[in-house]
Amino acid sequence: RITALMRLSPEDRQRLAVRYYDGGHMFYSWK
């Protein structure tokens, strides 16, 4: 929601990576 509201230009949006992983707040505890 927030990144959509930022209204970044296509060039600026390419410099913002957003990734999701299985797990909770400490997702990195999942192998």
PDB file of all heavy atoms in Angstrom:
ATOM      1  N   ARG A   1       0.825  -1.213   0.000  1.00  0.00           N
ATOM      2  CA  ARG A   1       0.000   0.000   0.000  1.00  0.00           C
ATOM      3  C   ARG A   1       0.856   1.259   0.000  1.00  0.00           C
ATOM      4  O   ARG A   1       0.645   2.174  -0.793  1.00  0.00           O
ATOM      5  CB  ARG A   1      -0.923  -0.012   1.225  1.00  0.00           C
ATOM      6  CG  ARG A   1      -1.796   1.196   1.338  1.00  0.00           C
ATOM      7  CD  ARG A   1      -2.651   1.128   2.617  1.00  0.00           C
ATOM      8  NE  ARG A   1      -3.286   2.373   2.862  1.00  0.00           N
ATOM      9  CZ  ARG A   1      -2.726   3.405   3.486  1.00  0.00           C
ATOM     10  NH1 ARG A   1      -1.503   3.322   3.950  1.00  0.00           N
ATOM     11  NH2 ARG A   1      -3.387   4.525   3.669  1.00  0.00           N
ATOM     12  N   ILE A   2       1.836   1.297   0.884  1.00  0.00           N
ATOM     13  CA  ILE A   2       2.671   2.494   1.026  1.00  0.00           C
ATOM     14  C   ILE A   2       3.505   2.755  -0.220  1.00  0.00           C
ATOM     15  O   ILE A   2       3.601   3.887  -0.686  1.00  0.00           O
ATOM     16  CB  ILE A   2       3.550   2.380   2.288  1.00  0.00           C
ATOM     17  CG1 ILE A   2       2.670   2.510   3.534  1.00  0.00           C
ATOM     18  CG2 ILE A   2       4.662   3.411   2.291  1.00  0.00           C
ATOM     19  CD1 ILE A   2       3.363   2.150   4.821  1.00  0.00           C
ATOM     20  N   THR A   3       4.117   1.708  -0.770  1.00  0.00           N
ATOM     21  CA  THR A   3       4.939   1.928  -1.972  1.00  0.00           C
ATOM     22  C   THR A   3       4.070   2.346  -3.155  1.00  0.00           C
ATOM     23  O   THR A   3       4.516   3.123  -4.006  1.00  0.00           O
ATOM     24  CB  THR A   3       5.799   0.695  -2.322  1.00  0.00           C
ATOM     25  OG1 THR A   3       4.958  -0.450  -2.454  1.00  0.00           O
ATOM     26  CG2 THR A   3       6.849   0.445  -1.260  1.00  0.00           C
ATOM     27  N   ALA A   4       2.842   1.886  -3.212  1.00  0.00           N
ATOM     28  CA  ALA A   4       1.934   2.325  -4.282  1.00  0.00           C
ATOM     29  C   ALA A   4       1.584   3.805  -4.105  1.00  0.00           C
ATOM     30  O   ALA A   4       1.496   4.553  -5.082  1.00  0.00           O
ATOM     31  CB  ALA A   4       0.677   1.476  -4.294  1.00  0.00           C
ATOM     32  N   LEU A   5       1.393   4.231  -2.855  1.00  0.00           N
ATOM     33  CA  LEU A   5       1.051   5.630  -2.588  1.00  0.00           C
ATOM     34  C   LEU A   5       2.223   6.581  -2.818  1.00  0.00           C
ATOM     35  O   LEU A   5       2.017   7.789  -2.947  1.00  0.00           O
ATOM     36  CB  LEU A   5       0.556   5.780  -1.146  1.00  0.00           C
ATOM     37  CG  LEU A   5      -0.798   5.138  -0.842  1.00  0.00           C
ATOM     38  CD1 LEU A   5      -1.083   5.207   0.656  1.00  0.00           C
ATOM     39  CD2 LEU A   5      -1.902   5.824  -1.635  1.00  0.00           C
ATOM     40  N   MET A   6       3.441   6.056  -2.879  1.00  0.00           N
ATOM     41  CA  MET A   6       4.616   6.907  -3.071  1.00  0.00           C
ATOM     42  C   MET A   6       4.649   7.522  -4.466  1.00  0.00           C
ATOM     43  O   MET A   6       5.305   8.527  -4.676  1.00  0.00           O
ATOM     44  CB  MET A   6       5.901   6.116  -2.811  1.00  0.00           C
ATOM     45  CG  MET A   6       6.104   5.804  -1.350  1.00  0.00           C
ATOM     46  SD  MET A   6       7.492   4.704  -1.048  1.00  0.00           S
ATOM     47  CE  MET A   6       8.867   5.731  -1.464  1.00  0.00           C
ATOM     48  N   ARG A   7       3.949   6.921  -5.411  1.00  0.00           N
ATOM     49  CA  ARG A   7       3.872   7.430  -6.786  1.00  0.00           C
ATOM     50  C   ARG A   7       5.249   7.698  -7.366  1.00  0.00           C
ATOM     51  O   ARG A   7       5.535   8.787  -7.866  1.00  0.00           O
ATOM     52  CB  ARG A   7       3.000   8.672  -6.858  1.00  0.00           C
ATOM     53  CG  ARG A   7       1.574   8.399  -6.464  1.00  0.00           C
ATOM     54  CD  ARG A   7       0.705   9.589  -6.644  1.00  0.00           C
ATOM     55  NE  ARG A   7      -0.650   9.254  -6.225  1.00  0.00           N
ATOM     56  CZ  ARG A   7      -1.601  10.123  -6.075  1.00  0.00           C
ATOM     57  NH1 ARG A   7      -1.376  11.383  -6.304  1.00  0.00           N
ATOM     58  NH2 ARG A   7      -2.796   9.740  -5.698  1.00  0.00           N
ATOM     59  N   LEU A   8       6.100   6.701  -7.291  1.00  0.00           N
ATOM     60  CA  LEU A   8       7.452   6.812  -7.834  1.00  0.00           C
ATOM     61  C   LEU A   8       7.415   6.742  -9.355  1.00  0.00           C
ATOM     62  O   LEU A   8       6.569   6.058  -9.929  1.00  0.00           O
ATOM     63  CB  LEU A   8       8.331   5.681  -7.294  1.00  0.00           C
ATOM     64  CG  LEU A   8       8.547   5.639  -5.787  1.00  0.00           C
ATOM     65  CD1 LEU A   8       9.271   4.350  -5.400  1.00  0.00           C
ATOM     66  CD2 LEU A   8       9.325   6.855  -5.328  1.00  0.00           C
ATOM     67  N   SER A   9       8.348   7.409  -9.981  1.00  0.00           N
ATOM     68  CA  SER A   9       8.484   7.284 -11.431  1.00  0.00           C
ATOM     69  C   SER A   9       8.919   5.854 -11.739  1.00  0.00           C
ATOM     70  O   SER A   9       9.475   5.166 -10.864  1.00  0.00           O
ATOM     71  CB  SER A   9       9.527   8.274 -11.952  1.00  0.00           C
ATOM     72  OG  SER A   9      10.820   7.871 -11.532  1.00  0.00           O
ATOM     73  N   PRO A  10       8.699   5.377 -12.957  1.00  0.00           N
ATOM     74  CA  PRO A  10       9.137   4.013 -13.305  1.00  0.00           C
ATOM     75  C   PRO A  10      10.645   3.803 -13.061  1.00  0.00           C
ATOM     76  O   PRO A  10      11.052   2.741 -12.612  1.00  0.00           O
ATOM     77  CB  PRO A  10       8.791   3.888 -14.788  1.00  0.00           C
ATOM     78  CG  PRO A  10       7.661   4.844 -14.982  1.00  0.00           C
ATOM     79  CD  PRO A  10       7.943   5.987 -14.049  1.00  0.00           C
ATOM     80  N   GLU A  11      11.438   4.820 -13.325  1.00  0.00           N
ATOM     81  CA  GLU A  11      12.888   4.708 -13.099  1.00  0.00           C
ATOM     82  C   GLU A  11      13.210   4.568 -11.614  1.00  0.00           C
ATOM     83  O   GLU A  11      14.043   3.763 -11.222  1.00  0.00           O
ATOM     84  CB  GLU A  11      13.629   5.927 -13.676  1.00  0.00           C
ATOM     85  CG  GLU A  11      13.488   6.089 -15.168  1.00  0.00           C
ATOM     86  CD  GLU A  11      12.173   6.774 -15.576  1.00  0.00           C
ATOM     87  OE1 GLU A  11      11.539   7.466 -14.734  1.00  0.00           O
ATOM     88  OE2 GLU A  11      11.762   6.581 -16.737  1.00  0.00           O
ATOM     89  N   ASP A  12      12.553   5.379 -10.799  1.00  0.00           N
ATOM     90  CA  ASP A  12      12.789   5.300  -9.352  1.00  0.00           C
ATOM     91  C   ASP A  12      12.259   3.990  -8.786  1.00  0.00           C
ATOM     92  O   ASP A  12      12.869   3.390  -7.899  1.00  0.00           O
ATOM     93  CB  ASP A  12      12.136   6.478  -8.631  1.00  0.00           C
ATOM     94  CG  ASP A  12      12.866   7.786  -8.868  1.00  0.00           C
ATOM     95  OD1 ASP A  12      14.034   7.761  -9.322  1.00  0.00           O
ATOM     96  OD2 ASP A  12      12.264   8.843  -8.610  1.00  0.00           O
ATOM     97  N   ARG A  13      11.124   3.512  -9.286  1.00  0.00           N
ATOM     98  CA  ARG A  13      10.533   2.252  -8.790  1.00  0.00           C
ATOM     99  C   ARG A  13      11.464   1.069  -9.041  1.00  0.00           C
ATOM    100  O   ARG A  13      11.495   0.121  -8.262  1.00  0.00           O
ATOM    101  CB  ARG A  13       9.161   2.032  -9.457  1.00  0.00           C
ATOM    102  CG  ARG A  13       8.419   0.809  -8.933  1.00  0.00           C
ATOM    103  CD  ARG A  13       8.124   0.932  -7.441  1.00  0.00           C
ATOM    104  NE  ARG A  13       7.422  -0.202  -6.922  1.00  0.00           N
ATOM    105  CZ  ARG A  13       8.013  -1.251  -6.338  1.00  0.00           C
ATOM    106  NH1 ARG A  13       9.315  -1.307  -6.226  1.00  0.00           N
ATOM    107  NH2 ARG A  13       7.299  -2.244  -5.867  1.00  0.00           N
ATOM    108  N   GLN A  14      12.248   1.119 -10.118  1.00  0.00           N
ATOM    109  CA  GLN A  14      13.186   0.033 -10.426  1.00  0.00           C
ATOM    110  C   GLN A  14      14.294  -0.071  -9.385  1.00  0.00           C
ATOM    111  O   GLN A  14      14.909  -1.121  -9.237  1.00  0.00           O
ATOM    112  CB  GLN A  14      13.802   0.224 -11.808  1.00  0.00           C
ATOM    113  CG  GLN A  14      12.835  -0.059 -12.928  1.00  0.00           C
ATOM    114  CD  GLN A  14      13.477   0.120 -14.284  1.00  0.00           C
ATOM    115  OE1 GLN A  14      14.521   0.761 -14.426  1.00  0.00           O
ATOM    116  NE2 GLN A  14      12.861  -0.459 -15.298  1.00  0.00           N
ATOM    117  N   ARG A  15      14.533   0.996  -8.645  1.00  0.00           N
ATOM    118  CA  ARG A  15      15.585   0.976  -7.622  1.00  0.00           C
ATOM    119  C   ARG A  15      15.063   0.550  -6.256  1.00  0.00           C
ATOM    120  O   ARG A  15      15.804   0.499  -5.287  1.00  0.00           O
ATOM    121  CB  ARG A  15      16.245   2.358  -7.522  1.00  0.00           C
ATOM    122  CG  ARG A  15      16.984   2.721  -8.791  1.00  0.00           C
ATOM    123  CD  ARG A  15      17.751   4.029  -8.712  1.00  0.00           C
ATOM    124  NE  ARG A  15      16.869   5.181  -8.572  1.00  0.00           N
ATOM    125  CZ  ARG A  15      16.829   5.962  -7.488  1.00  0.00           C
ATOM    126  NH1 ARG A  15      17.586   5.741  -6.462  1.00  0.00           N
ATOM    127  NH2 ARG A  15      16.006   6.991  -7.437  1.00  0.00           N
ATOM    128  N   LEU A  16      13.784   0.231  -6.178  1.00  0.00           N
ATOM    129  CA  LEU A  16      13.168  -0.208  -4.925  1.00  0.00           C
ATOM    130  C   LEU A  16      12.721  -1.658  -5.066  1.00  0.00           C
ATOM    131  O   LEU A  16      11.775  -1.959  -5.781  1.00  0.00           O
ATOM    132  CB  LEU A  16      11.963   0.682  -4.588  1.00  0.00           C
ATOM    133  CG  LEU A  16      11.135   0.298  -3.366  1.00  0.00           C
ATOM    134  CD1 LEU A  16      11.979   0.366  -2.094  1.00  0.00           C
ATOM    135  CD2 LEU A  16       9.920   1.204  -3.250  1.00  0.00           C
ATOM    136  N   ALA A  17      13.444  -2.550  -4.413  1.00  0.00           N
ATOM    137  CA  ALA A  17      13.099  -3.976  -4.439  1.00  0.00           C
ATOM    138  C   ALA A  17      12.264  -4.308  -3.209  1.00  0.00           C
ATOM    139  O   ALA A  17      12.582  -3.880  -2.099  1.00  0.00           O
ATOM    140  CB  ALA A  17      14.366  -4.819  -4.456  1.00  0.00           C
ATOM    141  N   VAL A  18      11.192  -5.054  -3.412  1.00  0.00           N
ATOM    142  CA  VAL A  18      10.342  -5.502  -2.314  1.00  0.00           C
ATOM    143  C   VAL A  18      10.199  -7.015  -2.453  1.00  0.00           C
ATOM    144  O   VAL A  18       9.815  -7.514  -3.504  1.00  0.00           O
ATOM    145  CB  VAL A  18       8.954  -4.823  -2.346  1.00  0.00           C
ATOM    146  CG1 VAL A  18       8.095  -5.312  -1.197  1.00  0.00           C
ATOM    147  CG2 VAL A  18       9.089  -3.307  -2.314  1.00  0.00           C
ATOM    148  N   ARG A  19      10.551  -7.736  -1.394  1.00  0.00           N
ATOM    149  CA  ARG A  19      10.499  -9.202  -1.421  1.00  0.00           C
ATOM    150  C   ARG A  19       9.790  -9.721  -0.175  1.00  0.00           C
ATOM    151  O   ARG A  19       9.846  -9.112   0.891  1.00  0.00           O
ATOM    152  CB  ARG A  19      11.906  -9.801  -1.454  1.00  0.00           C
ATOM    153  CG  ARG A  19      12.754  -9.372  -2.612  1.00  0.00           C
ATOM    154  CD  ARG A  19      12.326 -10.034  -3.918  1.00  0.00           C
ATOM    155  NE  ARG A  19      13.221  -9.677  -4.992  1.00  0.00           N
ATOM    156  CZ  ARG A  19      13.074  -8.621  -5.782  1.00  0.00           C
ATOM    157  NH1 ARG A  19      12.071  -7.807  -5.614  1.00  0.00           N
ATOM    158  NH2 ARG A  19      13.942  -8.362  -6.741  1.00  0.00           N
ATOM    159  N   TYR A  20       9.139 -10.871  -0.340  1.00  0.00           N
ATOM    160  CA  TYR A  20       8.423 -11.517   0.755  1.00  0.00           C
ATOM    161  C   TYR A  20       8.920 -12.942   0.892  1.00  0.00           C
ATOM    162  O   TYR A  20       9.217 -13.604  -0.097  1.00  0.00           O
ATOM    163  CB  TYR A  20       6.919 -11.513   0.479  1.00  0.00           C
ATOM    164  CG  TYR A  20       6.417 -10.129   0.171  1.00  0.00           C
ATOM    165  CD1 TYR A  20       6.047  -9.784  -1.114  1.00  0.00           C
ATOM    166  CD2 TYR A  20       6.354  -9.162   1.166  1.00  0.00           C
ATOM    167  CE1 TYR A  20       5.613  -8.504  -1.407  1.00  0.00           C
ATOM    168  CE2 TYR A  20       5.918  -7.887   0.875  1.00  0.00           C
ATOM    169  CZ  TYR A  20       5.553  -7.563  -0.410  1.00  0.00           C
ATOM    170  OH  TYR A  20       5.128  -6.298  -0.691  1.00  0.00           O
ATOM    171  N   TYR A  21       8.982 -13.409   2.132  1.00  0.00           N
ATOM    172  CA  TYR A  21       9.489 -14.751   2.421  1.00  0.00           C
ATOM    173  C   TYR A  21       8.513 -15.473   3.344  1.00  0.00           C
ATOM    174  O   TYR A  21       7.805 -14.843   4.133  1.00  0.00           O
ATOM    175  CB  TYR A  21      10.861 -14.658   3.090  1.00  0.00           C
ATOM    176  CG  TYR A  21      11.852 -13.883   2.270  1.00  0.00           C
ATOM    177  CD1 TYR A  21      12.096 -12.538   2.534  1.00  0.00           C
ATOM    178  CD2 TYR A  21      12.539 -14.485   1.221  1.00  0.00           C
ATOM    179  CE1 TYR A  21      12.996 -11.814   1.771  1.00  0.00           C
ATOM    180  CE2 TYR A  21      13.439 -13.767   0.456  1.00  0.00           C
ATOM    181  CZ  TYR A  21      13.660 -12.428   0.733  1.00  0.00           C
ATOM    182  OH  TYR A  21      14.545 -11.717  -0.034  1.00  0.00           O
ATOM    183  N   ASP A  22       8.500 -16.797   3.253  1.00  0.00           N
ATOM    184  CA  ASP A  22       7.722 -17.580   4.203  1.00  0.00           C
ATOM    185  C   ASP A  22       8.275 -17.322   5.602  1.00  0.00           C
ATOM    186  O   ASP A  22       9.486 -17.222   5.789  1.00  0.00           O
ATOM    187  CB  ASP A  22       7.834 -19.078   3.890  1.00  0.00           C
ATOM    188  CG  ASP A  22       7.001 -19.481   2.688  1.00  0.00           C
ATOM    189  OD1 ASP A  22       6.017 -18.774   2.377  1.00  0.00           O
ATOM    190  OD2 ASP A  22       7.319 -20.501   2.074  1.00  0.00           O
ATOM    191  N   GLY A  23       7.383 -17.200   6.556  1.00  0.00           N
ATOM    192  CA  GLY A  23       7.802 -16.988   7.934  1.00  0.00           C
ATOM    193  C   GLY A  23       7.129 -15.765   8.522  1.00  0.00           C
ATOM    194  O   GLY A  23       6.353 -15.071   7.859  1.00  0.00           O
ATOM    195  N   GLY A  24       7.450 -15.513   9.763  1.00  0.00           N
ATOM    196  CA  GLY A  24       6.887 -14.379  10.479  1.00  0.00           C
ATOM    197  C   GLY A  24       7.859 -13.218  10.514  1.00  0.00           C
ATOM    198  O   GLY A  24       8.586 -12.962   9.565  1.00  0.00           O
ATOM    199  N   HIS A  25       7.872 -12.519  11.646  1.00  0.00           N
ATOM    200  CA  HIS A  25       8.723 -11.333  11.787  1.00  0.00           C
ATOM    201  C   HIS A  25      10.201 -11.683  11.595  1.00  0.00           C
ATOM    202  O   HIS A  25      10.945 -10.910  11.019  1.00  0.00           O
ATOM    203  CB  HIS A  25       8.486 -10.709  13.163  1.00  0.00           C
ATOM    204  CG  HIS A  25       9.073  -9.349  13.310  1.00  0.00           C
ATOM    205  ND1 HIS A  25       8.563  -8.258  12.640  1.00  0.00           N
ATOM    206  CD2 HIS A  25      10.119  -8.902  14.031  1.00  0.00           C
ATOM    207  CE1 HIS A  25       9.282  -7.190  12.956  1.00  0.00           C
ATOM    208  NE2 HIS A  25      10.230  -7.555  13.798  1.00  0.00           N
ATOM    209  N   MET A  26      10.602 -12.848  12.068  1.00  0.00           N
ATOM    210  CA  MET A  26      11.980 -13.314  11.883  1.00  0.00           C
ATOM    211  C   MET A  26      11.981 -14.443  10.847  1.00  0.00           C
ATOM    212  O   MET A  26      12.362 -15.570  11.117  1.00  0.00           O
ATOM    213  CB  MET A  26      12.575 -13.765  13.217  1.00  0.00           C
ATOM    214  CG  MET A  26      12.642 -12.632  14.220  1.00  0.00           C
ATOM    215  SD  MET A  26      13.550 -12.970  15.745  1.00  0.00           S
ATOM    216  CE  MET A  26      12.984 -14.557  16.237  1.00  0.00           C
ATOM    217  N   PHE A  27      11.568 -14.092   9.636  1.00  0.00           N
ATOM    218  CA  PHE A  27      11.430 -15.073   8.555  1.00  0.00           C
ATOM    219  C   PHE A  27      12.720 -15.830   8.292  1.00  0.00           C
ATOM    220  O   PHE A  27      12.707 -16.971   7.849  1.00  0.00           O
ATOM    221  CB  PHE A  27      10.968 -14.389   7.261  1.00  0.00           C
ATOM    222  CG  PHE A  27      11.938 -13.372   6.738  1.00  0.00           C
ATOM    223  CD1 PHE A  27      12.993 -13.753   5.930  1.00  0.00           C
ATOM    224  CD2 PHE A  27      11.807 -12.039   7.073  1.00  0.00           C
ATOM    225  CE1 PHE A  27      13.904 -12.828   5.463  1.00  0.00           C
ATOM    226  CE2 PHE A  27      12.712 -11.101   6.609  1.00  0.00           C
ATOM    227  CZ  PHE A  27      13.763 -11.495   5.801  1.00  0.00           C
ATOM    228  N   TYR A  28      13.853 -15.202   8.582  1.00  0.00           N
ATOM    229  CA  TYR A  28      15.162 -15.811   8.322  1.00  0.00           C
ATOM    230  C   TYR A  28      15.445 -16.990   9.249  1.00  0.00           C
ATOM    231  O   TYR A  28      16.419 -17.705   9.072  1.00  0.00           O
ATOM    232  CB  TYR A  28      16.275 -14.765   8.444  1.00  0.00           C
ATOM    233  CG  TYR A  28      16.088 -13.849   9.626  1.00  0.00           C
ATOM    234  CD1 TYR A  28      16.456 -14.239  10.910  1.00  0.00           C
ATOM    235  CD2 TYR A  28      15.501 -12.602   9.451  1.00  0.00           C
ATOM    236  CE1 TYR A  28      16.254 -13.419  11.989  1.00  0.00           C
ATOM    237  CE2 TYR A  28      15.297 -11.764  10.539  1.00  0.00           C
ATOM    238  CZ  TYR A  28      15.679 -12.174  11.795  1.00  0.00           C
ATOM    239  OH  TYR A  28      15.469 -11.359  12.868  1.00  0.00           O
ATOM    240  N   SER A  29      14.575 -17.218  10.230  1.00  0.00           N
ATOM    241  CA  SER A  29      14.749 -18.403  11.074  1.00  0.00           C
ATOM    242  C   SER A  29      14.233 -19.664  10.364  1.00  0.00           C
ATOM    243  O   SER A  29      14.478 -20.768  10.816  1.00  0.00           O
ATOM    244  CB  SER A  29      14.065 -18.220  12.429  1.00  0.00           C
ATOM    245  OG  SER A  29      12.679 -18.087  12.268  1.00  0.00           O
ATOM    246  N   TRP A  30      13.532 -19.490   9.270  1.00  0.00           N
ATOM    247  CA  TRP A  30      13.095 -20.607   8.430  1.00  0.00           C
ATOM    248  C   TRP A  30      14.205 -20.879   7.418  1.00  0.00           C
ATOM    249  O   TRP A  30      14.640 -19.962   6.702  1.00  0.00           O
ATOM    250  CB  TRP A  30      11.815 -20.278   7.697  1.00  0.00           C
ATOM    251  CG  TRP A  30      10.597 -20.098   8.553  1.00  0.00           C
ATOM    252  CD1 TRP A  30      10.529 -19.618   9.835  1.00  0.00           C
ATOM    253  CD2 TRP A  30       9.262 -20.378   8.166  1.00  0.00           C
ATOM    254  NE1 TRP A  30       9.237 -19.581  10.257  1.00  0.00           N
ATOM    255  CE2 TRP A  30       8.431 -20.045   9.256  1.00  0.00           C
ATOM    256  CE3 TRP A  30       8.679 -20.866   7.016  1.00  0.00           C
ATOM    257  CZ2 TRP A  30       7.058 -20.185   9.233  1.00  0.00           C
ATOM    258  CZ3 TRP A  30       7.309 -21.010   6.983  1.00  0.00           C
ATOM    259  CH2 TRP A  30       6.504 -20.681   8.079  1.00  0.00           C
ATOM    260  N   LYS A  31      14.674 -22.098   7.338  1.00  0.00           N
ATOM    261  CA  LYS A  31      15.817 -22.432   6.492  1.00  0.00           C
ATOM    262  C   LYS A  31      15.623 -21.998   5.037  1.00  0.00           C
ATOM    263  O   LYS A  31      16.508 -21.363   4.450  1.00  0.00           O
ATOM    264  CB  LYS A  31      16.105 -23.935   6.562  1.00  0.00           C
ATOM    265  CG  LYS A  31      17.342 -24.332   5.807  1.00  0.00           C
ATOM    266  CD  LYS A  31      17.635 -25.809   5.954  1.00  0.00           C
ATOM    267  CE  LYS A  31      18.892 -26.160   5.169  1.00  0.00           C
ATOM    268  NZ  LYS A  31      19.220 -27.560   5.271  1.00  0.00           N
TER     269      LYS A  31
END
